[in-house]
Protein backbone atom coordinates (compact mmCIF):
# COMPACT_ATOMS: atom_id res chain seq x y z
CA MET A 1 -13.32 1.54 -11.88
CA SER A 2 -12.09 4.25 -14.16
CA ASN A 3 -11.09 4.10 -17.80
CA GLY A 4 -7.50 4.89 -16.81
CA LEU A 5 -4.55 2.55 -16.47
CA TYR A 6 -5.43 -1.00 -15.54
CA GLN A 7 -4.02 -4.50 -15.38
CA GLN A 8 -5.96 -7.63 -16.27
CA LEU A 9 -5.40 -11.15 -14.95
CA THR A 10 -7.16 -14.24 -16.24
CA CYS A 11 -6.89 -17.66 -14.64
CA ASP A 12 -5.44 -20.64 -16.53
CA CYS A 13 -8.85 -21.85 -17.75
CA GLN A 14 -10.00 -18.27 -18.46
CA ALA A 15 -13.17 -18.62 -16.36
CA VAL A 16 -12.20 -15.74 -14.02
CA CYS A 17 -10.85 -12.34 -14.99
CA LEU A 18 -9.69 -9.69 -12.52
CA LEU A 19 -9.25 -6.02 -13.31
CA ALA A 20 -6.99 -3.78 -11.25
CA CYS A 21 -7.30 -0.09 -11.98
CA GLY A 22 -4.80 2.66 -11.29
CA ALA A 23 -1.36 2.19 -9.80
CA PRO A 24 -0.36 -0.72 -7.56
CA LEU A 25 1.07 -0.11 -4.10
CA GLY A 26 4.16 -2.05 -5.10
CA ILE A 27 5.70 -5.47 -5.52
CA ALA A 28 6.59 -7.84 -2.68
CA THR A 29 7.41 -11.45 -1.96
CA ASN A 30 4.91 -13.47 0.07
CA ALA A 31 5.59 -16.16 2.69
CA THR A 32 5.96 -18.84 -0.01
CA ASP A 33 8.52 -16.76 -1.98
CA GLU A 34 6.08 -15.86 -4.76
CA THR A 35 6.25 -12.40 -6.27
CA VAL A 36 2.95 -10.57 -5.81
CA THR A 37 1.65 -7.15 -6.71
CA LEU A 38 -0.07 -5.31 -3.88
CA TRP A 39 -3.12 -3.19 -4.69
CA PRO A 40 -5.56 -1.14 -2.66
CA SER A 41 -8.67 -3.31 -2.14
CA GLU A 42 -10.93 -0.80 -3.88
CA ALA A 43 -8.78 -0.94 -7.04
CA VAL A 44 -9.48 -4.63 -7.78
CA GLN A 45 -12.71 -6.11 -9.04
CA VAL A 46 -13.90 -9.24 -10.79
CA GLY A 47 -14.42 -8.50 -14.47
CA GLU A 48 -15.74 -11.93 -15.35
CA GLY A 49 -16.54 -15.22 -13.60
CA VAL A 50 -17.66 -14.09 -10.16
CA ASP A 51 -19.64 -17.34 -9.81
CA ASP A 52 -16.48 -19.32 -10.53
CA LEU A 53 -14.57 -17.84 -7.58
CA ALA A 54 -14.13 -20.00 -4.50
CA PHE A 55 -13.46 -18.22 -1.20
CA ARG A 56 -11.63 -19.57 1.82
CA ALA A 57 -10.79 -17.64 4.96
CA GLU A 58 -7.14 -18.08 5.82
CA GLY A 59 -7.01 -16.16 9.10
CA PRO A 60 -3.92 -13.98 9.51
CA ASP A 61 -2.68 -14.95 6.03
CA GLY A 62 -5.68 -13.30 4.36
CA ASP A 63 -8.72 -14.52 2.51
CA VAL A 64 -7.91 -16.50 -0.63
CA GLN A 65 -10.06 -16.43 -3.74
CA CYS A 66 -9.33 -19.02 -6.41
CA CYS A 67 -10.96 -20.35 -9.55
CA ARG A 68 -13.36 -23.23 -8.87
CA ARG A 69 -12.57 -24.77 -12.25
CA CYS A 70 -8.77 -24.77 -12.46
CA GLY A 71 -7.85 -24.03 -8.84
CA GLU A 72 -5.55 -21.11 -9.63
CA VAL A 73 -5.24 -18.61 -6.78
CA MET A 74 -6.46 -15.28 -8.11
CA LEU A 75 -5.96 -13.04 -5.08
CA VAL A 76 -5.39 -12.84 -1.36
CA GLU A 77 -7.32 -10.12 0.43
CA HIS A 78 -6.23 -8.55 3.69
CA GLU A 79 -9.42 -6.71 4.58
CA GLU A 80 -8.14 -4.98 7.72
CA ALA A 81 -5.11 -3.63 5.86
CA GLY A 82 -7.20 -2.69 2.81
CA VAL A 83 -4.78 -4.54 0.53
CA VAL A 84 -5.14 -7.24 -2.11
CA ALA A 85 -2.15 -9.36 -3.19
CA ILE A 86 -2.32 -10.64 -6.75
CA PRO A 87 0.21 -13.28 -7.87
CA TRP A 88 1.42 -11.51 -10.96
CA THR A 89 3.51 -8.52 -11.82
CA PRO A 90 2.45 -5.66 -14.08
CA VAL A 91 3.51 -5.90 -17.70
CA ASP A 92 4.77 -2.34 -18.01
CA ASP A 93 8.44 -1.39 -18.02
CA ASP A 94 8.24 0.12 -14.53
CA ALA A 95 7.34 -3.19 -12.84
CA ALA A 96 10.86 -3.74 -11.52
CA THR A 97 10.88 -0.34 -9.83
CA LEU A 98 7.56 -0.58 -7.98
CA GLU A 99 8.64 -0.12 -4.39
CA VAL A 100 6.16 -0.14 -1.54
CA ALA A 101 6.11 3.17 0.32
CA ALA A 102 7.88 3.11 3.68
CA SER A 103 4.73 4.38 5.40
CA ILE A 104 2.82 1.15 4.68
CA ARG A 105 5.62 -1.40 4.91
CA ALA A 106 5.30 -2.24 8.61
CA PRO A 107 1.69 -3.52 8.47
CA LEU A 108 2.46 -5.47 5.29
CA GLU A 109 5.59 -6.99 6.83
CA ALA A 110 3.41 -8.08 9.76
CA LEU A 111 1.28 -9.96 7.20
CA GLY A 112 4.41 -11.79 5.98
CA TYR A 113 5.40 -9.77 2.91
CA ARG A 114 9.04 -8.97 2.18
CA PHE A 115 10.38 -6.12 0.08
């Protein structure tokens, strides 16, 4: 991770903290109508609480990682697509304008995301 722009997400009980560095790919809605921010897999790492993450393989819906303590879903990873979906939107003023590039929409739509 660089020292550049980043976003930080902490679960409800504050046991797990994720850091996402750089610019997100965009904002989408998942199959359950939640707004998520899509990031390249290499841009997201656990900043704190790696031992408190529970992992469950979800098949075509991605691999879910949630906090063992409070149960909050922290991210959904789509390894083959190289994308991580995080259930929060960036806090900067440009969040509403983060559109996913047309060149990567088709594979993400196949995963169930809407734009």
